[in-house]
Amino acid sequence: MKTTEAERNRAATIFPGMSTMATKKTPSRRRAAQEDLFGAAPAQDASTPAAPSAPPSALGARDLQVLAEGAGAALTPAAKAYNRELARIDKLKAQIARTDALGHAYQTAVQSLLAPLHARRDAGRREMVALLVPHINDKRLSKQQRETARAIVCAVAAALAADGDAEMARLHDEFSPQTLAEKEQQDRASFAQMVSHVLGEEIAAPEAEAGDDASHEELIMRMFAQTKAKMQEQQEQYEQEKAARKQKPRKPTAAQQRAEAVQQDAETTLRAIFRQLASALHPDRAASEDERRRKTELMSAANRAYQNKDIVALLQIQRDAALLDPAQAQLPPEKRLQALTQLLKQQVQELERERYARQNHWEHALDLGFGYRFNEADLRRWLQDLQDEELAECEALEHDIELVREGKRLKSWLNEQHRLAQEPIFPYIDIPPEW
């Protein structure tokens, strides 16, 4: 269940007066409920991307470290650099695993802790709609009061329809001058106009390509994908023009030549290790069925590692298969370590990108609001704030339901809702009222 910022603030935009009611909070009790949910990492659900499976021997990169020969012997600078990159790889992999564990845990926590509050809120919204519908044509109310009742019914019905309530969708279309489908089409047209203005070229409507059964969300995602592709195309064109304007490349410096030589040694070492594994682990060379299965498993892991340039996994498979490193025979020890260290540095860079991507994934999946970062302290604060906001919305809604149900204060309540609806959402930005 993804709780969006718009959904959390929906009560304030539908009934601006509801959010002004003071509510009593009991954070300690809810915090205890939170803590009960984090005893163990939850099982991964099908909607969340699975982490890549590790090869059978991936017990950690540090078990590949170079050790000093004899007591009191010192490691060479190349060996120290090699060991340092192995340690960085282990650290980054642990951070990525921790990121996914936190994301799964809080995704489950949001579902467990907020689902009862959402059910309570939606029940209140349906009750509010049922109470206000008879007053849309109530001649005892002024025209403005009847229009306010109608607008509130349509806004609440639209919010419930967005969660799949077909009856609320029908009710909205009955009382609204625009159907939900027409509003969605207008939203898409506005989005396309805005993007076309920014990009300087037209964005095609996705309806014809997607088909009649496509949902509004699917159409919007198609427009986002089309926009991203256009922006990438423009960026590539800019890069090509920039490269064309560059002067003739200068002769590489001595440092650049050394770096290029190290990179070539690294690529040669990677290919040599993989080719040796591919030859030694070929299933046709197995003497028994058990050995065939083992070699097939190791070869599959080696293929994945080579495609991902995962030198740590390749070295671990090589060690598990008790094979001699062919690069060790081809290169002197120092040059071999330099080549392996270069491959490890590239793997570190890839893991750093993966760590950043996983954090972005969970920030988007959880829809963290402004002012929260993806760490355990901020996630706990964010979840606590979410609970407080949802509870305040429920209590404010139930308070307004009592006012509407009484009848005597209905007119004053509708007048207050109309007055609040005329106020801008942001005090320093002039935003036209919706109704």
Protein backbone atom coordinates (compact mmCIF):
# COMPACT_ATOMS: atom_id res chain seq x y z
CA MET A 1 0.00 0.00 0.00
CA LYS A 2 1.60 3.25 -1.10
CA THR A 3 0.39 6.27 0.89
CA THR A 4 0.93 9.37 -1.24
CA GLU A 5 1.45 12.92 -0.05
CA ALA A 6 -1.76 13.93 -1.82
CA GLU A 7 -3.70 11.20 -0.05
CA ARG A 8 -2.36 12.19 3.36
CA ASN A 9 -3.43 15.81 2.81
CA ARG A 10 -6.71 14.99 1.10
CA ALA A 11 -8.81 15.84 4.17
CA ALA A 12 -7.45 19.39 4.23
CA THR A 13 -8.34 19.98 0.57
CA ILE A 14 -11.77 18.36 0.80
CA PHE A 15 -12.82 19.80 4.17
CA PRO A 16 -10.38 22.58 5.04
CA GLY A 17 -12.01 23.01 8.43
CA MET A 18 -11.43 19.46 9.55
CA SER A 19 -7.68 19.82 9.99
CA THR A 20 -8.11 22.71 12.46
CA MET A 21 -9.48 20.54 15.24
CA ALA A 22 -6.99 19.79 18.05
CA THR A 23 -6.46 16.09 18.65
CA LYS A 24 -4.92 14.22 21.54
CA LYS A 25 -1.89 12.17 20.53
CA THR A 26 -0.49 9.13 22.28
CA PRO A 27 2.90 8.62 20.61
CA SER A 28 4.32 6.31 23.23
CA ARG A 29 1.61 3.70 22.72
CA ARG A 30 1.90 3.85 18.92
CA ARG A 31 5.68 3.80 19.11
CA ALA A 32 5.47 0.57 21.10
CA ALA A 33 3.27 -0.86 18.35
CA GLN A 34 5.88 0.16 15.79
CA GLU A 35 8.69 -1.52 17.68
CA ASP A 36 6.77 -4.81 17.77
CA LEU A 37 6.85 -4.88 13.97
CA PHE A 38 10.62 -4.75 13.60
CA GLY A 39 11.74 -7.86 15.43
CA ALA A 40 12.70 -9.48 12.14
CA ALA A 41 12.87 -8.46 8.52
CA PRO A 42 9.57 -9.26 6.75
CA ALA A 43 9.32 -11.66 3.85
CA GLN A 44 9.82 -10.06 0.49
CA ASP A 45 6.58 -9.55 -1.45
CA ALA A 46 6.20 -10.10 -5.16
CA SER A 47 5.75 -6.39 -5.93
CA THR A 48 9.23 -5.50 -4.73
CA PRO A 49 12.23 -6.11 -7.01
CA ALA A 50 14.21 -9.11 -5.79
CA ALA A 51 17.83 -8.68 -4.85
CA PRO A 52 20.23 -10.44 -7.25
CA SER A 53 21.10 -13.91 -6.06
CA ALA A 54 24.66 -14.41 -4.91
CA PRO A 55 26.85 -17.20 -6.27
CA PRO A 56 27.09 -20.28 -4.05
CA SER A 57 30.49 -19.27 -2.65
CA ALA A 58 29.76 -15.59 -1.95
CA LEU A 59 30.63 -15.60 1.75
CA GLY A 60 32.21 -12.15 1.65
CA ALA A 61 35.04 -10.44 -0.16
CA ARG A 62 37.47 -10.30 2.77
CA ASP A 63 38.13 -14.04 2.62
CA LEU A 64 40.06 -13.24 -0.59
CA GLN A 65 42.45 -10.83 1.13
CA VAL A 66 46.21 -11.15 0.79
CA LEU A 67 47.91 -12.08 4.05
CA ALA A 68 51.45 -11.23 5.08
CA GLU A 69 53.96 -14.06 4.73
CA GLY A 70 55.34 -14.90 8.17
CA ALA A 71 55.20 -13.10 11.50
CA GLY A 72 56.17 -9.44 11.36
CA ALA A 73 56.13 -9.32 7.55
CA ALA A 74 54.57 -6.22 6.01
CA LEU A 75 52.20 -6.14 3.06
CA THR A 76 53.26 -4.37 -0.11
CA PRO A 77 51.40 -1.18 -1.16
CA ALA A 78 49.72 -3.14 -3.97
CA ALA A 79 48.51 -5.79 -1.51
CA LYS A 80 47.20 -3.12 0.88
CA ALA A 81 45.30 -1.41 -1.95
CA TYR A 82 43.82 -4.76 -3.04
CA ASN A 83 42.70 -5.60 0.51
CA ARG A 84 41.25 -2.11 0.98
CA GLU A 85 39.00 -2.46 -2.09
CA LEU A 86 37.81 -5.88 -0.90
CA ALA A 87 36.83 -4.35 2.44
CA ARG A 88 34.95 -1.53 0.66
CA ILE A 89 33.02 -4.10 -1.38
CA ASP A 90 31.93 -5.98 1.74
CA LYS A 91 30.87 -2.70 3.38
CA LEU A 92 28.83 -1.56 0.37
CA LYS A 93 27.10 -4.94 0.03
CA ALA A 94 26.16 -4.81 3.71
CA GLN A 95 24.79 -1.30 3.27
CA ILE A 96 22.68 -2.37 0.28
CA ALA A 97 21.32 -5.36 2.20
CA ARG A 98 20.50 -3.09 5.16
CA THR A 99 18.75 -0.62 2.85
CA ASP A 100 16.50 -3.34 1.42
CA ALA A 101 15.81 -4.78 4.89
CA LEU A 102 14.74 -1.35 6.17
CA GLY A 103 12.62 -0.72 3.10
CA HIS A 104 10.77 -4.05 3.39
CA ALA A 105 10.27 -3.61 7.15
CA TYR A 106 8.76 -0.14 6.86
CA GLN A 107 6.69 -1.05 3.83
CA THR A 108 5.09 -3.78 5.94
CA ALA A 109 4.80 -1.43 8.92
CA VAL A 110 2.88 1.16 6.89
CA GLN A 111 0.44 -1.52 5.76
CA SER A 112 -0.01 -2.95 9.27
CA LEU A 113 -0.29 0.30 11.23
CA LEU A 114 -2.18 2.51 8.77
CA ALA A 115 -4.66 0.02 7.30
CA PRO A 116 -7.06 0.27 10.32
CA LEU A 117 -6.88 4.08 10.20
CA HIS A 118 -7.54 4.09 6.45
CA ALA A 119 -10.56 1.82 6.94
CA ARG A 120 -11.84 4.14 9.69
CA ARG A 121 -11.28 7.21 7.49
CA ASP A 122 -13.01 5.69 4.44
CA ALA A 123 -16.00 4.61 6.55
CA GLY A 124 -16.27 8.19 7.79
CA ARG A 125 -16.07 9.54 4.26
CA ARG A 126 -18.88 7.27 3.09
CA GLU A 127 -21.00 8.36 6.04
CA MET A 128 -20.33 12.02 5.24
CA VAL A 129 -21.43 11.48 1.62
CA ALA A 130 -24.61 9.72 2.77
CA LEU A 131 -25.42 12.63 5.12
CA LEU A 132 -24.79 15.38 2.56
CA VAL A 133 -26.45 13.92 -0.56
CA PRO A 134 -30.02 14.73 0.62
CA HIS A 135 -28.98 18.38 1.19
CA ILE A 136 -27.76 18.94 -2.39
CA ASN A 137 -31.35 19.80 -3.40
CA ASP A 138 -32.53 20.96 0.06
CA LYS A 139 -34.52 24.16 -0.55
CA ARG A 140 -34.08 25.16 3.09
CA LEU A 141 -30.42 25.85 2.28
CA SER A 142 -29.13 28.77 0.23
CA LYS A 143 -27.83 28.22 -3.29
CA GLN A 144 -24.28 28.66 -2.03
CA GLN A 145 -24.79 26.13 0.76
CA ARG A 146 -26.28 23.56 -1.64
CA GLU A 147 -23.38 24.08 -4.03
CA THR A 148 -20.90 23.62 -1.20
CA ALA A 149 -22.61 20.36 -0.16
CA ARG A 150 -22.50 19.16 -3.78
CA ALA A 151 -18.80 20.04 -4.15
CA ILE A 152 -17.90 18.21 -0.94
CA VAL A 153 -19.85 15.12 -2.02
CA CYS A 154 -18.04 15.12 -5.38
CA ALA A 155 -14.61 15.61 -3.80
CA VAL A 156 -15.08 12.83 -1.23
CA ALA A 157 -16.64 10.48 -3.80
CA ALA A 158 -13.69 11.09 -6.15
CA ALA A 159 -11.21 10.25 -3.37
CA LEU A 160 -13.03 6.97 -2.64
CA ALA A 161 -13.42 6.18 -6.34
CA ALA A 162 -9.65 6.52 -6.74
CA ASP A 163 -9.35 3.57 -4.34
CA GLY A 164 -11.69 1.45 -6.47
CA ASP A 165 -15.16 2.24 -5.06
CA ALA A 166 -17.44 1.91 -8.11
CA GLU A 167 -20.53 3.22 -6.27
CA MET A 168 -18.69 6.40 -5.29
CA ALA A 169 -17.54 6.83 -8.90
CA ARG A 170 -21.15 6.60 -10.07
CA LEU A 171 -22.25 9.07 -7.39
CA HIS A 172 -19.53 11.54 -8.38
CA ASP A 173 -20.53 11.45 -12.04
CA GLU A 174 -24.17 11.97 -11.07
CA PHE A 175 -23.55 15.24 -9.24
CA SER A 176 -20.41 16.61 -10.88
CA PRO A 177 -20.49 18.74 -14.05
CA GLN A 178 -17.45 16.73 -15.20
CA THR A 179 -17.20 12.95 -15.02
CA LEU A 180 -14.10 11.33 -13.55
CA ALA A 181 -13.08 10.16 -17.04
CA GLU A 182 -13.35 13.72 -18.38
CA LYS A 183 -11.27 15.06 -15.47
CA GLU A 184 -8.59 12.43 -16.07
CA GLN A 185 -8.51 13.28 -19.77
CA GLN A 186 -8.18 16.96 -18.87
CA ASP A 187 -5.33 16.15 -16.46
CA ARG A 188 -3.49 14.25 -19.21
CA ALA A 189 -4.00 17.10 -21.68
CA SER A 190 -2.65 19.62 -19.15
CA PHE A 191 0.35 17.38 -18.45
CA ALA A 192 1.06 16.98 -22.17
CA GLN A 193 0.79 20.73 -22.72
CA MET A 194 3.18 21.47 -19.86
CA VAL A 195 5.75 18.88 -21.00
CA SER A 196 5.49 19.99 -24.64
CA HIS A 197 6.18 23.56 -23.55
CA VAL A 198 9.25 22.49 -21.55
CA LEU A 199 10.66 20.20 -24.26
CA GLY A 200 9.79 22.45 -27.17
CA GLU A 201 8.07 19.62 -29.08
CA GLU A 202 4.75 17.82 -29.00
CA ILE A 203 4.08 14.83 -26.75
CA ALA A 204 1.70 12.40 -28.46
CA ALA A 205 -1.48 11.33 -26.68
CA PRO A 206 -1.04 7.73 -25.44
CA GLU A 207 -4.69 6.65 -25.71
CA ALA A 208 -4.50 5.28 -29.26
CA GLU A 209 -1.40 3.18 -28.58
CA ALA A 210 -2.46 1.93 -25.13
CA GLY A 211 -5.98 0.86 -26.06
CA ASP A 212 -9.39 1.42 -24.49
CA ASP A 213 -8.70 -0.75 -21.44
CA ALA A 214 -5.71 1.28 -20.22
CA SER A 215 -6.20 3.00 -16.86
CA HIS A 216 -5.49 6.67 -16.19
CA GLU A 217 -2.35 5.69 -14.23
CA GLU A 218 -1.08 3.56 -17.14
CA LEU A 219 -1.61 6.42 -19.59
CA ILE A 220 0.20 8.86 -17.32
CA MET A 221 3.12 6.42 -16.96
CA ARG A 222 3.28 6.12 -20.76
CA MET A 223 3.50 9.91 -21.00
CA PHE A 224 6.26 9.95 -18.38
CA ALA A 225 8.17 7.29 -20.35
CA GLN A 226 7.70 9.26 -23.57
CA THR A 227 8.93 12.42 -21.83
CA LYS A 228 11.98 10.62 -20.43
CA ALA A 229 12.84 9.23 -23.87
CA LYS A 230 12.56 12.70 -25.43
CA MET A 231 14.76 14.23 -22.74
CA GLN A 232 17.35 11.47 -23.17
CA GLU A 233 17.31 12.00 -26.93
CA GLN A 234 17.86 15.73 -26.46
CA GLN A 235 20.69 15.07 -24.00
CA GLU A 236 22.41 12.66 -26.40
CA GLN A 237 22.10 15.18 -29.21
CA TYR A 238 23.63 17.85 -26.97
CA GLU A 239 26.52 15.55 -26.03
CA GLN A 240 27.18 14.76 -29.70
CA GLU A 241 27.22 18.44 -30.61
CA LYS A 242 29.49 19.17 -27.64
CA ALA A 243 31.90 16.40 -28.70
CA ALA A 244 31.93 17.70 -32.26
CA ARG A 245 32.96 21.14 -31.04
CA LYS A 246 35.88 19.78 -29.04
CA GLN A 247 39.40 20.28 -30.31
CA LYS A 248 41.58 17.42 -31.50
CA PRO A 249 42.43 15.27 -28.46
CA ARG A 250 45.82 15.92 -26.96
CA LYS A 251 48.51 13.31 -26.58
CA PRO A 252 47.88 11.34 -23.36
CA THR A 253 50.11 12.16 -20.42
CA ALA A 254 52.40 9.62 -18.77
CA ALA A 255 49.89 9.18 -15.92
CA GLN A 256 47.09 8.56 -18.43
CA GLN A 257 49.22 6.03 -20.26
CA ARG A 258 49.95 4.18 -17.02
CA ALA A 259 46.25 4.17 -16.12
CA GLU A 260 45.39 2.82 -19.57
CA ALA A 261 47.97 0.06 -19.21
CA VAL A 262 46.55 -0.93 -15.82
CA GLN A 263 43.03 -0.98 -17.31
CA GLN A 264 44.18 -3.20 -20.18
CA ASP A 265 45.84 -5.59 -17.72
CA ALA A 266 42.59 -5.62 -15.70
CA GLU A 267 40.47 -6.51 -18.71
CA THR A 268 42.95 -9.18 -19.78
CA THR A 269 42.90 -10.66 -16.27
CA LEU A 270 39.08 -10.71 -16.16
CA ARG A 271 38.86 -12.50 -19.52
CA ALA A 272 41.59 -14.96 -18.58
CA ILE A 273 39.89 -15.95 -15.33
CA PHE A 274 36.52 -16.40 -17.01
CA ARG A 275 37.91 -18.42 -19.92
CA GLN A 276 39.71 -20.73 -17.52
CA LEU A 277 36.50 -21.20 -15.51
CA ALA A 278 34.46 -21.82 -18.67
CA SER A 279 36.90 -24.51 -19.75
CA ALA A 280 37.30 -26.20 -16.37
CA LEU A 281 33.62 -26.09 -15.39
CA HIS A 282 32.09 -27.30 -18.64
CA PRO A 283 29.41 -29.86 -17.64
CA ASP A 284 30.45 -32.26 -20.43
CA ARG A 285 33.73 -32.84 -18.60
CA ALA A 286 32.01 -34.07 -15.45
CA ALA A 287 32.70 -37.64 -14.35
CA SER A 288 29.39 -38.12 -12.53
CA GLU A 289 25.88 -36.67 -12.39
CA ASP A 290 26.58 -34.96 -9.06
CA GLU A 291 29.70 -33.35 -10.49
CA ARG A 292 27.72 -32.28 -13.58
CA ARG A 293 25.12 -30.54 -11.40
CA ARG A 294 27.84 -28.83 -9.35
CA LYS A 295 29.68 -27.62 -12.46
CA THR A 296 26.46 -26.41 -14.05
CA GLU A 297 25.65 -24.38 -10.95
CA LEU A 298 29.15 -22.91 -10.75
CA MET A 299 29.20 -22.12 -14.48
CA SER A 300 25.86 -20.30 -14.26
CA ALA A 301 27.25 -18.23 -11.38
CA ALA A 302 30.42 -17.54 -13.37
CA ASN A 303 28.42 -16.35 -16.38
CA ARG A 304 26.41 -13.93 -14.20
CA ALA A 305 29.58 -12.69 -12.51
CA TYR A 306 31.37 -12.09 -15.82
CA GLN A 307 28.41 -10.23 -17.30
CA ASN A 308 28.31 -8.01 -14.19
CA LYS A 309 32.13 -7.72 -14.06
CA ASP A 310 31.93 -9.10 -10.52
CA ILE A 311 35.58 -10.02 -10.02
CA VAL A 312 34.97 -11.00 -6.38
CA ALA A 313 32.47 -13.67 -7.38
CA LEU A 314 34.77 -14.97 -10.12
CA LEU A 315 37.71 -15.25 -7.70
CA GLN A 316 35.53 -17.07 -5.15
CA ILE A 317 34.29 -19.53 -7.77
CA GLN A 318 37.86 -20.07 -8.90
CA ARG A 319 38.94 -20.73 -5.32
CA ASP A 320 36.02 -23.11 -4.67
CA ALA A 321 36.84 -25.02 -7.84
CA ALA A 322 40.48 -25.30 -6.68
CA LEU A 323 41.77 -23.79 -9.92
CA LEU A 324 45.04 -21.94 -10.43
CA ASP A 325 44.63 -18.30 -11.39
CA PRO A 326 45.91 -18.09 -15.02
CA ALA A 327 46.72 -14.40 -14.51
CA GLN A 328 49.08 -15.39 -11.73
CA ALA A 329 51.23 -17.22 -14.26
CA GLN A 330 50.99 -14.46 -16.86
CA LEU A 331 51.67 -11.39 -14.70
CA PRO A 332 54.22 -10.64 -11.94
CA PRO A 333 52.58 -10.60 -8.47
CA GLU A 334 52.52 -6.80 -8.16
CA LYS A 335 51.07 -6.25 -11.63
CA ARG A 336 48.52 -9.00 -11.02
CA LEU A 337 47.39 -7.29 -7.80
CA GLN A 338 47.21 -3.95 -9.59
CA ALA A 339 45.03 -5.47 -12.31
CA LEU A 340 42.72 -7.11 -9.77
CA THR A 341 42.56 -3.89 -7.73
CA GLN A 342 41.49 -1.97 -10.85
CA LEU A 343 38.65 -4.45 -11.38
CA LEU A 344 37.68 -4.15 -7.71
CA LYS A 345 37.57 -0.35 -7.98
CA GLN A 346 35.18 -0.64 -10.91
CA GLN A 347 33.02 -3.01 -8.87
CA VAL A 348 33.06 -0.52 -5.97
CA GLN A 349 31.77 2.20 -8.31
CA GLU A 350 28.99 -0.08 -9.54
CA LEU A 351 28.00 -0.96 -5.97
CA GLU A 352 27.93 2.72 -5.02
CA ARG A 353 25.55 3.36 -7.91
CA GLU A 354 23.44 0.39 -6.81
CA ARG A 355 23.31 1.69 -3.22
CA TYR A 356 22.14 5.09 -4.44
CA ALA A 357 19.56 3.47 -6.75
CA ARG A 358 18.17 1.28 -3.92
CA GLN A 359 17.80 4.30 -1.64
CA ASN A 360 15.97 6.16 -4.42
CA HIS A 361 13.76 3.12 -5.01
CA TRP A 362 12.67 2.94 -1.38
CA GLU A 363 12.24 6.70 -1.00
CA HIS A 364 9.85 6.55 -3.96
CA ALA A 365 8.14 3.30 -2.90
CA LEU A 366 7.51 4.62 0.63
CA ASP A 367 6.84 8.15 -0.66
CA LEU A 368 8.96 9.82 2.01
CA GLY A 369 7.88 13.41 2.46
CA PHE A 370 10.03 16.51 2.50
CA GLY A 371 12.38 16.62 5.47
CA TYR A 372 12.85 12.85 5.81
CA ARG A 373 15.91 10.87 4.76
CA PHE A 374 16.23 7.14 4.24
CA ASN A 375 17.73 6.13 7.58
CA GLU A 376 16.29 4.29 10.54
CA ALA A 377 15.82 7.35 12.76
CA ASP A 378 14.02 9.36 10.07
CA LEU A 379 11.92 6.36 9.03
CA ARG A 380 10.67 5.89 12.58
CA ARG A 381 9.87 9.61 12.83
CA TRP A 382 8.16 9.53 9.44
CA LEU A 383 5.99 6.56 10.41
CA GLN A 384 5.06 8.22 13.70
CA ASP A 385 4.11 11.42 11.88
CA LEU A 386 2.04 9.43 9.39
CA GLN A 387 0.08 7.79 12.21
CA ASP A 388 -0.50 11.13 13.90
CA GLU A 389 -1.72 12.72 10.65
CA GLU A 390 -4.06 9.83 9.85
CA LEU A 391 -5.49 9.79 13.38
CA ALA A 392 -5.99 13.57 13.33
CA GLU A 393 -7.82 13.27 9.99
CA CYS A 394 -10.11 10.54 11.34
CA GLU A 395 -10.94 12.48 14.48
CA ALA A 396 -11.57 15.73 12.57
CA LEU A 397 -13.80 13.89 10.09
CA GLU A 398 -15.81 12.25 12.87
CA HIS A 399 -16.20 15.66 14.56
CA ASP A 400 -17.60 17.16 11.32
CA ILE A 401 -19.93 14.18 10.84
CA GLU A 402 -21.45 14.93 14.25
CA LEU A 403 -22.01 18.57 13.24
CA VAL A 404 -23.71 17.55 9.98
CA ARG A 405 -25.79 14.86 11.68
CA GLU A 406 -27.12 17.32 14.29
CA GLY A 407 -28.70 19.45 11.56
CA LYS A 408 -28.91 22.63 13.64
CA ARG A 409 -25.31 23.55 12.86
CA LEU A 410 -25.33 22.32 9.25
CA LYS A 411 -25.74 25.78 7.72
CA SER A 412 -22.95 27.35 9.75
CA TRP A 413 -20.71 24.37 8.98
CA LEU A 414 -21.35 24.68 5.23
CA ASN A 415 -20.70 28.42 5.38
CA GLU A 416 -17.41 27.77 7.15
CA GLN A 417 -16.40 25.15 4.56
CA HIS A 418 -17.18 27.60 1.76
CA ARG A 419 -15.14 30.35 3.45
CA LEU A 420 -12.17 28.04 3.97
CA ALA A 421 -12.36 26.83 0.37
CA GLN A 422 -11.85 30.40 -0.85
CA GLU A 423 -8.58 30.73 1.05
CA PRO A 424 -5.39 29.94 -0.88
CA ILE A 425 -3.68 26.70 0.11
CA PHE A 426 -0.36 28.55 0.36
CA PRO A 427 -0.57 32.00 1.98
CA TYR A 428 1.85 33.67 -0.44
CA ILE A 429 0.65 32.04 -3.67
CA ASP A 430 -2.60 33.06 -5.31
CA ILE A 431 -4.34 29.77 -6.15
CA PRO A 432 -7.90 29.93 -7.56
CA PRO A 433 -10.39 28.00 -5.36
CA GLU A 434 -11.73 24.73 -6.72
CA TRP A 435 -15.30 25.64 -5.73
